[in-house]
Amino acid sequence: MAYGVPLVMNFTLAIPYIFINGIMLGIAWYLTVIGVLPRVAGVSTPAGMPIIISGFMQGSWKIGRIPIYRTFCAICRMVFLLQTADLVACREENQTDTIECSLKKCQQRQFSHGGEDVKY
C-alpha cells in the first residue's frame, strides 16, 4: 500500500499508516476473545500466498474473510488520506499563486510609476 506514497516527513500520511495495523490487530484480537472468530491454527503461510487462502489455511472461512475486510479498510483509509493530502496541497498551491500574483501586480504598479516608491 505504501508504494509511491510520500510517508517520510509527511505526518498527515505517516501517523495513520503506522497505527492502522495495530488498530486492525486489536480488532481481530477482540473478535477472537469474544468468540466471533475462532482461534488461529498458527500455520505459517508462504509469503506469496493470497490473503484469502492464507486465512483458510489458518483454520476457518471466518478467518479468511478478515484479511479481505482489512485490505478493504486499508484501501479506503489510504484513498481518504490521499484525497485529504491532495486538498491541502491544492489549497497551499492556490495560496502561493495568489501571493505571487499580488507581488507581480505590485511590481507592475511600481514599474508603471517610474520605479518610485508609491504608497498604496
PDB file of N, CA and C in Angstrom:
ATOM      1  N   MET A   1       0.807  -1.197   0.000  1.00  0.00           N
ATOM      2  CA  MET A   1       0.000   0.000   0.000  1.00  0.00           C
ATOM      3  C   MET A   1       0.850   1.261   0.000  1.00  0.00           C
ATOM      4  N   ALA A   2       2.106   1.178   0.352  1.00  0.00           N
ATOM      5  CA  ALA A   2       2.898   2.386   0.503  1.00  0.00           C
ATOM      6  C   ALA A   2       3.710   2.730  -0.734  1.00  0.00           C
ATOM      7  N   TYR A   3       3.617   1.962  -1.794  1.00  0.00           N
ATOM      8  CA  TYR A   3       4.424   2.237  -2.965  1.00  0.00           C
ATOM      9  C   TYR A   3       3.987   3.556  -3.596  1.00  0.00           C
ATOM     10  N   GLY A   4       4.880   4.505  -3.655  1.00  0.00           N
ATOM     11  CA  GLY A   4       4.592   5.792  -4.268  1.00  0.00           C
ATOM     12  C   GLY A   4       3.961   6.799  -3.329  1.00  0.00           C
ATOM     13  N   VAL A   5       3.695   6.432  -2.087  1.00  0.00           N
ATOM     14  CA  VAL A   5       3.085   7.361  -1.133  1.00  0.00           C
ATOM     15  C   VAL A   5       4.202   8.029  -0.343  1.00  0.00           C
ATOM     16  N   PRO A   6       4.244   9.362  -0.318  1.00  0.00           N
ATOM     17  CA  PRO A   6       5.320  10.064   0.396  1.00  0.00           C
ATOM     18  C   PRO A   6       5.088  10.049   1.905  1.00  0.00           C
ATOM     19  N   LEU A   7       5.645   9.051   2.593  1.00  0.00           N
ATOM     20  CA  LEU A   7       5.442   8.928   4.033  1.00  0.00           C
ATOM     21  C   LEU A   7       6.523   9.625   4.848  1.00  0.00           C
ATOM     22  N   VAL A   8       7.678   9.880   4.271  1.00  0.00           N
ATOM     23  CA  VAL A   8       8.780  10.483   5.001  1.00  0.00           C
ATOM     24  C   VAL A   8       8.496  11.967   5.203  1.00  0.00           C
ATOM     25  N   MET A   9       8.537  12.398   6.443  1.00  0.00           N
ATOM     26  CA  MET A   9       8.292  13.794   6.840  1.00  0.00           C
ATOM     27  C   MET A   9       6.910  14.285   6.413  1.00  0.00           C
ATOM     28  N   ASN A  10       5.968  13.407   6.293  1.00  0.00           N
ATOM     29  CA  ASN A  10       4.597  13.767   5.969  1.00  0.00           C
ATOM     30  C   ASN A  10       3.714  13.096   7.019  1.00  0.00           C
ATOM     31  N   PHE A  11       3.518  13.781   8.142  1.00  0.00           N
ATOM     32  CA  PHE A  11       2.828  13.173   9.271  1.00  0.00           C
ATOM     33  C   PHE A  11       1.346  12.965   9.005  1.00  0.00           C
ATOM     34  N   THR A  12       0.777  13.710   8.065  1.00  0.00           N
ATOM     35  CA  THR A  12      -0.627  13.510   7.713  1.00  0.00           C
ATOM     36  C   THR A  12      -0.843  12.100   7.187  1.00  0.00           C
ATOM     37  N   LEU A  13       0.116  11.564   6.482  1.00  0.00           N
ATOM     38  CA  LEU A  13       0.000  10.213   5.938  1.00  0.00           C
ATOM     39  C   LEU A  13       0.731   9.169   6.781  1.00  0.00           C
ATOM     40  N   ALA A  14       1.823   9.544   7.427  1.00  0.00           N
ATOM     41  CA  ALA A  14       2.655   8.558   8.122  1.00  0.00           C
ATOM     42  C   ALA A  14       2.023   8.053   9.414  1.00  0.00           C
ATOM     43  N   ILE A  15       1.459   8.942  10.216  1.00  0.00           N
ATOM     44  CA  ILE A  15       0.917   8.532  11.513  1.00  0.00           C
ATOM     45  C   ILE A  15      -0.234   7.538  11.362  1.00  0.00           C
ATOM     46  N   PRO A  16      -1.252   7.810  10.537  1.00  0.00           N
ATOM     47  CA  PRO A  16      -2.298   6.789  10.372  1.00  0.00           C
ATOM     48  C   PRO A  16      -1.769   5.504   9.738  1.00  0.00           C
ATOM     49  N   TYR A  17      -0.818   5.624   8.832  1.00  0.00           N
ATOM     50  CA  TYR A  17      -0.251   4.436   8.189  1.00  0.00           C
ATOM     51  C   TYR A  17       0.437   3.543   9.216  1.00  0.00           C
ATOM     52  N   ILE A  18       1.071   4.147  10.195  1.00  0.00           N
ATOM     53  CA  ILE A  18       1.778   3.383  11.216  1.00  0.00           C
ATOM     54  C   ILE A  18       0.796   2.734  12.191  1.00  0.00           C
ATOM     55  N   PHE A  19      -0.213   3.472  12.622  1.00  0.00           N
ATOM     56  CA  PHE A  19      -1.090   2.990  13.682  1.00  0.00           C
ATOM     57  C   PHE A  19      -2.251   2.123  13.213  1.00  0.00           C
ATOM     58  N   ILE A  20      -2.612   2.157  11.946  1.00  0.00           N
ATOM     59  CA  ILE A  20      -3.777   1.388  11.497  1.00  0.00           C
ATOM     60  C   ILE A  20      -3.549  -0.114  11.627  1.00  0.00           C
ATOM     61  N   ASN A  21      -2.325  -0.581  11.467  1.00  0.00           N
ATOM     62  CA  ASN A  21      -2.056  -2.018  11.609  1.00  0.00           C
ATOM     63  C   ASN A  21      -2.288  -2.480  13.047  1.00  0.00           C
ATOM     64  N   GLY A  22      -1.879  -1.676  14.004  1.00  0.00           N
ATOM     65  CA  GLY A  22      -2.131  -2.014  15.402  1.00  0.00           C
ATOM     66  C   GLY A  22      -3.614  -1.990  15.739  1.00  0.00           C
ATOM     67  N   ILE A  23      -4.330  -1.050  15.166  1.00  0.00           N
ATOM     68  CA  ILE A  23      -5.773  -0.969  15.389  1.00  0.00           C
ATOM     69  C   ILE A  23      -6.466  -2.201  14.815  1.00  0.00           C
ATOM     70  N   MET A  24      -6.094  -2.591  13.598  1.00  0.00           N
ATOM     71  CA  MET A  24      -6.705  -3.771  12.983  1.00  0.00           C
ATOM     72  C   MET A  24      -6.340  -5.047  13.755  1.00  0.00           C
ATOM     73  N   LEU A  25      -5.134  -5.122  14.279  1.00  0.00           N
ATOM     74  CA  LEU A  25      -4.740  -6.260  15.104  1.00  0.00           C
ATOM     75  C   LEU A  25      -5.571  -6.302  16.379  1.00  0.00           C
ATOM     76  N   GLY A  26      -5.793  -5.147  16.990  1.00  0.00           N
ATOM     77  CA  GLY A  26      -6.618  -5.082  18.194  1.00  0.00           C
ATOM     78  C   GLY A  26      -8.055  -5.511  17.930  1.00  0.00           C
ATOM     79  N   ILE A  27      -8.603  -5.105  16.779  1.00  0.00           N
ATOM     80  CA  ILE A  27      -9.964  -5.517  16.420  1.00  0.00           C
ATOM     81  C   ILE A  27     -10.031  -7.033  16.237  1.00  0.00           C
ATOM     82  N   ALA A  28      -9.055  -7.607  15.546  1.00  0.00           N
ATOM     83  CA  ALA A  28      -9.037  -9.058  15.339  1.00  0.00           C
ATOM     84  C   ALA A  28      -8.884  -9.794  16.667  1.00  0.00           C
ATOM     85  N   TRP A  29      -8.044  -9.292  17.545  1.00  0.00           N
ATOM     86  CA  TRP A  29      -7.872  -9.914  18.860  1.00  0.00           C
ATOM     87  C   TRP A  29      -9.169  -9.860  19.657  1.00  0.00           C
ATOM     88  N   TYR A  30      -9.830  -8.702  19.649  1.00  0.00           N
ATOM     89  CA  TYR A  30     -11.091  -8.545  20.379  1.00  0.00           C
ATOM     90  C   TYR A  30     -12.158  -9.491  19.831  1.00  0.00           C
ATOM     91  N   LEU A  31     -12.251  -9.600  18.513  1.00  0.00           N
ATOM     92  CA  LEU A  31     -13.228 -10.514  17.916  1.00  0.00           C
ATOM     93  C   LEU A  31     -12.923 -11.968  18.265  1.00  0.00           C
ATOM     94  N   THR A  32     -11.652 -12.301  18.429  1.00  0.00           N
ATOM     95  CA  THR A  32     -11.281 -13.656  18.832  1.00  0.00           C
ATOM     96  C   THR A  32     -11.634 -13.896  20.297  1.00  0.00           C
ATOM     97  N   VAL A  33     -11.402 -12.910  21.147  1.00  0.00           N
ATOM     98  CA  VAL A  33     -11.684 -13.056  22.575  1.00  0.00           C
ATOM     99  C   VAL A  33     -13.178 -13.213  22.836  1.00  0.00           C
ATOM    100  N   ILE A  34     -14.017 -12.440  22.138  1.00  0.00           N
ATOM    101  CA  ILE A  34     -15.458 -12.538  22.394  1.00  0.00           C
ATOM    102  C   ILE A  34     -16.096 -13.714  21.669  1.00  0.00           C
ATOM    103  N   GLY A  35     -15.350 -14.416  20.834  1.00  0.00           N
ATOM    104  CA  GLY A  35     -15.840 -15.640  20.218  1.00  0.00           C
ATOM    105  C   GLY A  35     -16.404 -15.504  18.819  1.00  0.00           C
ATOM    106  N   VAL A  36     -16.306 -14.340  18.210  1.00  0.00           N
ATOM    107  CA  VAL A  36     -16.795 -14.170  16.838  1.00  0.00           C
ATOM    108  C   VAL A  36     -15.888 -14.908  15.863  1.00  0.00           C
ATOM    109  N   LEU A  37     -14.588 -14.823  16.098  1.00  0.00           N
ATOM    110  CA  LEU A  37     -13.609 -15.524  15.263  1.00  0.00           C
ATOM    111  C   LEU A  37     -13.029 -16.703  16.028  1.00  0.00           C
ATOM    112  N   PRO A  38     -12.778 -17.819  15.343  1.00  0.00           N
ATOM    113  CA  PRO A  38     -12.093 -18.925  16.022  1.00  0.00           C
ATOM    114  C   PRO A  38     -10.605 -18.607  16.172  1.00  0.00           C
ATOM    115  N   ARG A  39      -9.977 -19.333  17.064  1.00  0.00           N
ATOM    116  CA  ARG A  39      -8.532 -19.143  17.241  1.00  0.00           C
ATOM    117  C   ARG A  39      -7.799 -19.678  16.023  1.00  0.00           C
ATOM    118  N   VAL A  40      -6.706 -19.007  15.685  1.00  0.00           N
ATOM    119  CA  VAL A  40      -5.947 -19.426  14.508  1.00  0.00           C
ATOM    120  C   VAL A  40      -5.115 -20.660  14.840  1.00  0.00           C
ATOM    121  N   ALA A  41      -4.791 -21.424  13.792  1.00  0.00           N
ATOM    122  CA  ALA A  41      -4.041 -22.667  13.969  1.00  0.00           C
ATOM    123  C   ALA A  41      -2.554 -22.413  14.165  1.00  0.00           C
ATOM    124  N   GLY A  42      -2.084 -21.240  13.789  1.00  0.00           N
ATOM    125  CA  GLY A  42      -0.669 -20.940  13.928  1.00  0.00           C
ATOM    126  C   GLY A  42       0.163 -21.456  12.780  1.00  0.00           C
ATOM    127  N   VAL A  43      -0.483 -21.751  11.657  1.00  0.00           N
ATOM    128  CA  VAL A  43       0.222 -22.241  10.478  1.00  0.00           C
ATOM    129  C   VAL A  43       0.943 -21.066   9.828  1.00  0.00           C
ATOM    130  N   SER A  44       2.202 -21.255   9.520  1.00  0.00           N
ATOM    131  CA  SER A  44       2.966 -20.220   8.835  1.00  0.00           C
ATOM    132  C   SER A  44       2.747 -20.371   7.335  1.00  0.00           C
ATOM    133  N   THR A  45       2.062 -19.414   6.756  1.00  0.00           N
ATOM    134  CA  THR A  45       1.775 -19.485   5.322  1.00  0.00           C
ATOM    135  C   THR A  45       2.923 -18.877   4.530  1.00  0.00           C
ATOM    136  N   PRO A  46       3.154 -19.353   3.321  1.00  0.00           N
ATOM    137  CA  PRO A  46       4.212 -18.777   2.485  1.00  0.00           C
ATOM    138  C   PRO A  46       3.941 -17.302   2.175  1.00  0.00           C
ATOM    139  N   ALA A  47       4.983 -16.577   1.875  1.00  0.00           N
ATOM    140  CA  ALA A  47       4.870 -15.133   1.686  1.00  0.00           C
ATOM    141  C   ALA A  47       4.023 -14.753   0.478  1.00  0.00           C
ATOM    142  N   GLY A  48       4.019 -15.533  -0.557  1.00  0.00           N
ATOM    143  CA  GLY A  48       3.273 -15.183  -1.757  1.00  0.00           C
ATOM    144  C   GLY A  48       1.842 -15.694  -1.776  1.00  0.00           C
ATOM    145  N   MET A  49       1.384 -16.249  -0.678  1.00  0.00           N
ATOM    146  CA  MET A  49       0.042 -16.829  -0.604  1.00  0.00           C
ATOM    147  C   MET A  49      -1.016 -15.720  -0.661  1.00  0.00           C
ATOM    148  N   PRO A  50      -2.047 -15.876  -1.480  1.00  0.00           N
ATOM    149  CA  PRO A  50      -3.128 -14.880  -1.495  1.00  0.00           C
ATOM    150  C   PRO A  50      -3.788 -14.766  -0.120  1.00  0.00           C
ATOM    151  N   ILE A  51      -4.286 -13.569   0.184  1.00  0.00           N
ATOM    152  CA  ILE A  51      -4.767 -13.317   1.545  1.00  0.00           C
ATOM    153  C   ILE A  51      -5.967 -14.177   1.917  1.00  0.00           C
ATOM    154  N   ILE A  52      -6.811 -14.497   0.975  1.00  0.00           N
ATOM    155  CA  ILE A  52      -7.988 -15.313   1.290  1.00  0.00           C
ATOM    156  C   ILE A  52      -7.562 -16.738   1.637  1.00  0.00           C
ATOM    157  N   ILE A  53      -6.669 -17.298   0.833  1.00  0.00           N
ATOM    158  CA  ILE A  53      -6.222 -18.679   1.057  1.00  0.00           C
ATOM    159  C   ILE A  53      -5.445 -18.792   2.364  1.00  0.00           C
ATOM    160  N   SER A  54      -4.658 -17.778   2.701  1.00  0.00           N
ATOM    161  CA  SER A  54      -3.917 -17.845   3.964  1.00  0.00           C
ATOM    162  C   SER A  54      -4.867 -17.852   5.152  1.00  0.00           C
ATOM    163  N   GLY A  55      -5.980 -17.139   5.045  1.00  0.00           N
ATOM    164  CA  GLY A  55      -6.975 -17.187   6.115  1.00  0.00           C
ATOM    165  C   GLY A  55      -7.621 -18.552   6.237  1.00  0.00           C
ATOM    166  N   PHE A  56      -7.920 -19.185   5.093  1.00  0.00           N
ATOM    167  CA  PHE A  56      -8.488 -20.534   5.123  1.00  0.00           C
ATOM    168  C   PHE A  56      -7.491 -21.533   5.708  1.00  0.00           C
ATOM    169  N   MET A  57      -6.219 -21.352   5.424  1.00  0.00           N
ATOM    170  CA  MET A  57      -5.200 -22.260   5.953  1.00  0.00           C
ATOM    171  C   MET A  57      -5.061 -22.131   7.467  1.00  0.00           C
ATOM    172  N   GLN A  58      -5.466 -20.996   8.017  1.00  0.00           N
ATOM    173  CA  GLN A  58      -5.406 -20.812   9.464  1.00  0.00           C
ATOM    174  C   GLN A  58      -6.507 -21.573  10.188  1.00  0.00           C
ATOM    175  N   GLY A  59      -7.531 -22.033   9.448  1.00  0.00           N
ATOM    176  CA  GLY A  59      -8.486 -22.901  10.100  1.00  0.00           C
ATOM    177  C   GLY A  59      -9.951 -22.663   9.829  1.00  0.00           C
ATOM    178  N   SER A  60     -10.350 -21.531   9.258  1.00  0.00           N
ATOM    179  CA  SER A  60     -11.780 -21.299   9.096  1.00  0.00           C
ATOM    180  C   SER A  60     -12.040 -20.265   8.014  1.00  0.00           C
ATOM    181  N   TRP A  61     -13.247 -20.318   7.436  1.00  0.00           N
ATOM    182  CA  TRP A  61     -13.643 -19.308   6.454  1.00  0.00           C
ATOM    183  C   TRP A  61     -13.835 -17.960   7.131  1.00  0.00           C
ATOM    184  N   LYS A  62     -14.147 -17.963   8.434  1.00  0.00           N
ATOM    185  CA  LYS A  62     -14.304 -16.703   9.163  1.00  0.00           C
ATOM    186  C   LYS A  62     -12.970 -15.965   9.245  1.00  0.00           C
ATOM    187  N   ILE A  63     -11.914 -16.722   9.411  1.00  0.00           N
ATOM    188  CA  ILE A  63     -10.582 -16.108   9.432  1.00  0.00           C
ATOM    189  C   ILE A  63     -10.205 -15.663   8.023  1.00  0.00           C
ATOM    190  N   GLY A  64     -10.693 -16.351   7.010  1.00  0.00           N
ATOM    191  CA  GLY A  64     -10.401 -15.993   5.625  1.00  0.00           C
ATOM    192  C   GLY A  64     -11.033 -14.690   5.189  1.00  0.00           C
ATOM    193  N   ARG A  65     -12.147 -14.305   5.809  1.00  0.00           N
ATOM    194  CA  ARG A  65     -12.788 -13.047   5.408  1.00  0.00           C
ATOM    195  C   ARG A  65     -12.184 -11.824   6.104  1.00  0.00           C
ATOM    196  N   ILE A  66     -11.480 -12.016   7.205  1.00  0.00           N
ATOM    197  CA  ILE A  66     -10.874 -10.888   7.911  1.00  0.00           C
ATOM    198  C   ILE A  66      -9.799 -10.198   7.067  1.00  0.00           C
ATOM    199  N   PRO A  67      -8.896 -10.910   6.373  1.00  0.00           N
ATOM    200  CA  PRO A  67      -7.933 -10.201   5.522  1.00  0.00           C
ATOM    201  C   PRO A  67      -8.598  -9.408   4.393  1.00  0.00           C
ATOM    202  N   ILE A  68      -9.731  -9.895   3.900  1.00  0.00           N
ATOM    203  CA  ILE A  68     -10.454  -9.138   2.869  1.00  0.00           C
ATOM    204  C   ILE A  68     -10.961  -7.830   3.456  1.00  0.00           C
ATOM    205  N   TYR A  69     -11.572  -7.907   4.630  1.00  0.00           N
ATOM    206  CA  TYR A  69     -12.066  -6.716   5.316  1.00  0.00           C
ATOM    207  C   TYR A  69     -10.918  -5.764   5.633  1.00  0.00           C
ATOM    208  N   ARG A  70      -9.804  -6.317   6.103  1.00  0.00           N
ATOM    209  CA  ARG A  70      -8.651  -5.490   6.459  1.00  0.00           C
ATOM    210  C   ARG A  70      -8.073  -4.777   5.231  1.00  0.00           C
ATOM    211  N   THR A  71      -7.989  -5.483   4.112  1.00  0.00           N
ATOM    212  CA  THR A  71      -7.487  -4.876   2.881  1.00  0.00           C
ATOM    213  C   THR A  71      -8.429  -3.784   2.392  1.00  0.00           C
ATOM    214  N   PHE A  72      -9.734  -4.039   2.455  1.00  0.00           N
ATOM    215  CA  PHE A  72     -10.718  -3.033   2.065  1.00  0.00           C
ATOM    216  C   PHE A  72     -10.595  -1.785   2.940  1.00  0.00           C
ATOM    217  N   CYS A  73     -10.438  -1.970   4.252  1.00  0.00           N
ATOM    218  CA  CYS A  73     -10.272  -0.830   5.163  1.00  0.00           C
ATOM    219  C   CYS A  73      -8.984  -0.065   4.862  1.00  0.00           C
ATOM    220  N   ALA A  74      -7.914  -0.777   4.549  1.00  0.00           N
ATOM    221  CA  ALA A  74      -6.644  -0.121   4.242  1.00  0.00           C
ATOM    222  C   ALA A  74      -6.752   0.708   2.964  1.00  0.00           C
ATOM    223  N   ILE A  75      -7.434   0.182   1.957  1.00  0.00           N
ATOM    224  CA  ILE A  75      -7.602   0.927   0.708  1.00  0.00           C
ATOM    225  C   ILE A  75      -8.456   2.167   0.941  1.00  0.00           C
ATOM    226  N   CYS A  76      -9.560   2.006   1.668  1.00  0.00           N
ATOM    227  CA  CYS A  76     -10.425   3.160   1.965  1.00  0.00           C
ATOM    228  C   CYS A  76      -9.673   4.215   2.768  1.00  0.00           C
ATOM    229  N   ARG A  77      -8.874   3.775   3.730  1.00  0.00           N
ATOM    230  CA  ARG A  77      -8.107   4.706   4.545  1.00  0.00           C
ATOM    231  C   ARG A  77      -7.105   5.484   3.696  1.00  0.00           C
ATOM    232  N   MET A  78      -6.386   4.778   2.823  1.00  0.00           N
ATOM    233  CA  MET A  78      -5.386   5.462   2.014  1.00  0.00           C
ATOM    234  C   MET A  78      -6.023   6.397   0.998  1.00  0.00           C
ATOM    235  N   VAL A  79      -7.154   6.013   0.428  1.00  0.00           N
ATOM    236  CA  VAL A  79      -7.839   6.903  -0.516  1.00  0.00           C
ATOM    237  C   VAL A  79      -8.266   8.175   0.202  1.00  0.00           C
ATOM    238  N   PHE A  80      -8.837   8.034   1.397  1.00  0.00           N
ATOM    239  CA  PHE A  80      -9.261   9.201   2.169  1.00  0.00           C
ATOM    240  C   PHE A  80      -8.073  10.087   2.523  1.00  0.00           C
ATOM    241  N   LEU A  81      -6.985   9.483   2.994  1.00  0.00           N
ATOM    242  CA  LEU A  81      -5.815  10.272   3.383  1.00  0.00           C
ATOM    243  C   LEU A  81      -5.161  10.946   2.183  1.00  0.00           C
ATOM    244  N   LEU A  82      -5.101  10.254   1.049  1.00  0.00           N
ATOM    245  CA  LEU A  82      -4.503  10.856  -0.140  1.00  0.00           C
ATOM    246  C   LEU A  82      -5.368  11.990  -0.679  1.00  0.00           C
ATOM    247  N   GLN A  83      -6.690  11.850  -0.603  1.00  0.00           N
ATOM    248  CA  GLN A  83      -7.565  12.948  -1.023  1.00  0.00           C
ATOM    249  C   GLN A  83      -7.400  14.146  -0.100  1.00  0.00           C
ATOM    250  N   THR A  84      -7.265  13.896   1.199  1.00  0.00           N
ATOM    251  CA  THR A  84      -7.050  14.982   2.147  1.00  0.00           C
ATOM    252  C   THR A  84      -5.717  15.675   1.882  1.00  0.00           C
ATOM    253  N   ALA A  85      -4.666  14.906   1.656  1.00  0.00           N
ATOM    254  CA  ALA A  85      -3.355  15.490   1.367  1.00  0.00           C
ATOM    255  C   ALA A  85      -3.380  16.273   0.058  1.00  0.00           C
ATOM    256  N   ASP A  86      -4.106  15.774  -0.937  1.00  0.00           N
ATOM    257  CA  ASP A  86      -4.228  16.480  -2.207  1.00  0.00           C
ATOM    258  C   ASP A  86      -4.974  17.795  -2.028  1.00  0.00           C
ATOM    259  N   LEU A  87      -6.023  17.787  -1.217  1.00  0.00           N
ATOM    260  CA  LEU A  87      -6.780  19.010  -0.953  1.00  0.00           C
ATOM    261  C   LEU A  87      -5.915  20.052  -0.256  1.00  0.00           C
ATOM    262  N   VAL A  88      -5.128  19.620   0.725  1.00  0.00           N
ATOM    263  CA  VAL A  88      -4.227  20.536   1.430  1.00  0.00           C
ATOM    264  C   VAL A  88      -3.185  21.099   0.468  1.00  0.00           C
ATOM    265  N   ALA A  89      -2.625  20.250  -0.389  1.00  0.00           N
ATOM    266  CA  ALA A  89      -1.619  20.707  -1.355  1.00  0.00           C
ATOM    267  C   ALA A  89      -2.226  21.694  -2.350  1.00  0.00           C
ATOM    268  N   CYS A  90      -3.455  21.445  -2.789  1.00  0.00           N
ATOM    269  CA  CYS A  90      -4.111  22.374  -3.721  1.00  0.00           C
ATOM    270  C   CYS A  90      -4.364  23.718  -3.064  1.00  0.00           C
ATOM    271  N   ARG A  91      -4.781  23.698  -1.798  1.00  0.00           N
ATOM    272  CA  ARG A  91      -5.004  24.966  -1.085  1.00  0.00           C
ATOM    273  C   ARG A  91      -3.703  25.740  -0.930  1.00  0.00           C
ATOM    274  N   GLU A  92      -2.628  25.037  -0.578  1.00  0.00           N
ATOM    275  CA  GLU A  92      -1.333  25.707  -0.446  1.00  0.00           C
ATOM    276  C   GLU A  92      -0.872  26.261  -1.788  1.00  0.00           C
ATOM    277  N   GLU A  93      -1.087  25.517  -2.850  1.00  0.00           N
ATOM    278  CA  GLU A  93      -0.689  25.974  -4.180  1.00  0.00           C
ATOM    279  C   GLU A  93      -1.500  27.200  -4.600  1.00  0.00           C
ATOM    280  N   ASN A  94      -2.792  27.186  -4.340  1.00  0.00           N
ATOM    281  CA  ASN A  94      -3.626  28.341  -4.673  1.00  0.00           C
ATOM    282  C   ASN A  94      -3.228  29.558  -3.861  1.00  0.00           C
ATOM    283  N   GLN A  95      -2.877  29.350  -2.587  1.00  0.00           N
ATOM    284  CA  GLN A  95      -2.444  30.462  -1.753  1.00  0.00           C
ATOM    285  C   GLN A  95      -1.120  31.021  -2.270  1.00  0.00           C
ATOM    286  N   THR A  96      -0.203  30.148  -2.664  1.00  0.00           N
ATOM    287  CA  THR A  96       1.078  30.591  -3.215  1.00  0.00           C
ATOM    288  C   THR A  96       0.866  31.345  -4.520  1.00  0.00           C
ATOM    289  N   ASP A  97      -0.024  30.841  -5.370  1.00  0.00           N
ATOM    290  CA  ASP A  97      -0.321  31.528  -6.628  1.00  0.00           C
ATOM    291  C   ASP A  97      -0.915  32.901  -6.375  1.00  0.00           C
ATOM    292  N   THR A  98      -1.766  33.028  -5.374  1.00  0.00           N
ATOM    293  CA  THR A  98      -2.372  34.315  -5.046  1.00  0.00           C
ATOM    294  C   THR A  98      -1.311  35.293  -4.567  1.00  0.00           C
ATOM    295  N   ILE A  99      -0.393  34.830  -3.734  1.00  0.00           N
ATOM    296  CA  ILE A  99       0.679  35.697  -3.237  1.00  0.00           C
ATOM    297  C   ILE A  99       1.580  36.128  -4.384  1.00  0.00           C
ATOM    298  N   GLU A 100       1.954  35.193  -5.257  1.00  0.00           N
ATOM    299  CA  GLU A 100       2.806  35.532  -6.397  1.00  0.00           C
ATOM    300  C   GLU A 100       2.106  36.511  -7.327  1.00  0.00           C
ATOM    301  N   CYS A 101       0.817  36.327  -7.531  1.00  0.00           N
ATOM    302  CA  CYS A 101       0.059  37.204  -8.410  1.00  0.00           C
ATOM    303  C   CYS A 101       0.001  38.615  -7.829  1.00  0.00           C
ATOM    304  N   SER A 102      -0.211  38.735  -6.521  1.00  0.00           N
ATOM    305  CA  SER A 102      -0.269  40.060  -5.907  1.00  0.00           C
ATOM    306  C   SER A 102       1.104  40.724  -5.925  1.00  0.00           C
ATOM    307  N   LEU A 103       2.186  39.949  -5.784  1.00  0.00           N
ATOM    308  CA  LEU A 103       3.530  40.523  -5.876  1.00  0.00           C
ATOM    309  C   LEU A 103       3.810  41.038  -7.285  1.00  0.00           C
ATOM    310  N   LYS A 104       3.377  40.304  -8.301  1.00  0.00           N
ATOM    311  CA  LYS A 104       3.569  40.749  -9.681  1.00  0.00           C
ATOM    312  C   LYS A 104       2.798  42.032  -9.947  1.00  0.00           C
ATOM    313  N   LYS A 105       1.584  42.134  -9.426  1.00  0.00           N
ATOM    314  CA  LYS A 105       0.791  43.352  -9.607  1.00  0.00           C
ATOM    315  C   LYS A 105       1.467  44.534  -8.935  1.00  0.00           C
ATOM    316  N   CYS A 106       2.017  44.307  -7.748  1.00  0.00           N
ATOM    317  CA  CYS A 106       2.708  45.371  -7.026  1.00  0.00           C
ATOM    318  C   CYS A 106       3.946  45.817  -7.798  1.00  0.00           C
ATOM    319  N   GLN A 107       4.690  44.862  -8.354  1.00  0.00           N
ATOM    320  CA  GLN A 107       5.872  45.211  -9.131  1.00  0.00           C
ATOM    321  C   GLN A 107       5.486  45.955 -10.403  1.00  0.00           C
ATOM    322  N   GLN A 108       4.395  45.581 -11.028  1.00  0.00           N
ATOM    323  CA  GLN A 108       3.940  46.272 -12.233  1.00  0.00           C
ATOM    324  C   GLN A 108       3.522  47.700 -11.915  1.00  0.00           C
ATOM    325  N   ARG A 109       2.901  47.918 -10.770  1.00  0.00           N
ATOM    326  CA  ARG A 109       2.496  49.273 -10.381  1.00  0.00           C
ATOM    327  C   ARG A 109       3.721  50.147 -10.157  1.00  0.00           C
ATOM    328  N   GLN A 110       4.735  49.590  -9.476  1.00  0.00           N
ATOM    329  CA  GLN A 110       5.942  50.369  -9.237  1.00  0.00           C
ATOM    330  C   GLN A 110       6.646  50.679 -10.549  1.00  0.00           C
ATOM    331  N   PHE A 111       6.664  49.731 -11.477  1.00  0.00           N
ATOM    332  CA  PHE A 111       7.317  49.945 -12.761  1.00  0.00           C
ATOM    333  C   PHE A 111       6.564  50.995 -13.577  1.00  0.00           C
ATOM    334  N   SER A 112       5.241  51.011 -13.497  1.00  0.00           N
ATOM    335  CA  SER A 112       4.466  51.973 -14.284  1.00  0.00           C
ATOM    336  C   SER A 112       4.607  53.387 -13.741  1.00  0.00           C
ATOM    337  N   HIS A 113       5.023  53.530 -12.487  1.00  0.00           N
ATOM    338  CA  HIS A 113       5.226  54.859 -11.912  1.00  0.00           C
ATOM    339  C   HIS A 113       6.689  55.276 -11.964  1.00  0.00           C
ATOM    340  N   GLY A 114       7.451  54.695 -12.797  1.00  0.00           N
ATOM    341  CA  GLY A 114       8.840  55.083 -12.978  1.00  0.00           C
ATOM    342  C   GLY A 114       9.760  54.546 -11.905  1.00  0.00           C
ATOM    343  N   GLY A 115       9.353  53.530 -11.209  1.00  0.00           N
ATOM    344  CA  GLY A 115      10.216  52.935 -10.197  1.00  0.00           C
ATOM    345  C   GLY A 115      10.187  53.681  -8.884  1.00  0.00           C
ATOM    346  N   GLU A 116       9.342  54.683  -8.746  1.00  0.00           N
ATOM    347  CA  GLU A 116       9.258  55.423  -7.496  1.00  0.00           C
ATOM    348  C   GLU A 116       8.504  54.592  -6.468  1.00  0.00           C
ATOM    349  N   ASP A 117       8.824  54.851  -5.220  1.00  0.00           N
ATOM    350  CA  ASP A 117       8.085  54.179  -4.160  1.00  0.00           C
ATOM    351  C   ASP A 117       6.738  54.861  -4.008  1.00  0.00           C
ATOM    352  N   VAL A 118       5.716  54.126  -4.263  1.00  0.00           N
ATOM    353  CA  VAL A 118       4.363  54.665  -4.185  1.00  0.00           C
ATOM    354  C   VAL A 118       3.654  53.963  -3.043  1.00  0.00           C
ATOM    355  N   LYS A 119       3.044  54.745  -2.153  1.00  0.00           N
ATOM    356  CA  LYS A 119       2.303  54.165  -1.042  1.00  0.00           C
ATOM    357  C   LYS A 119       0.878  53.916  -1.490  1.00  0.00           C
ATOM    358  N   TYR A 120       0.394  52.766  -1.166  1.00  0.00           N
ATOM    359  CA  TYR A 120      -0.974  52.409  -1.554  1.00  0.00           C
ATOM    360  C   TYR A 120      -1.863  52.400  -0.356  1.00  0.00           C
TER     361      TYR A 120
END
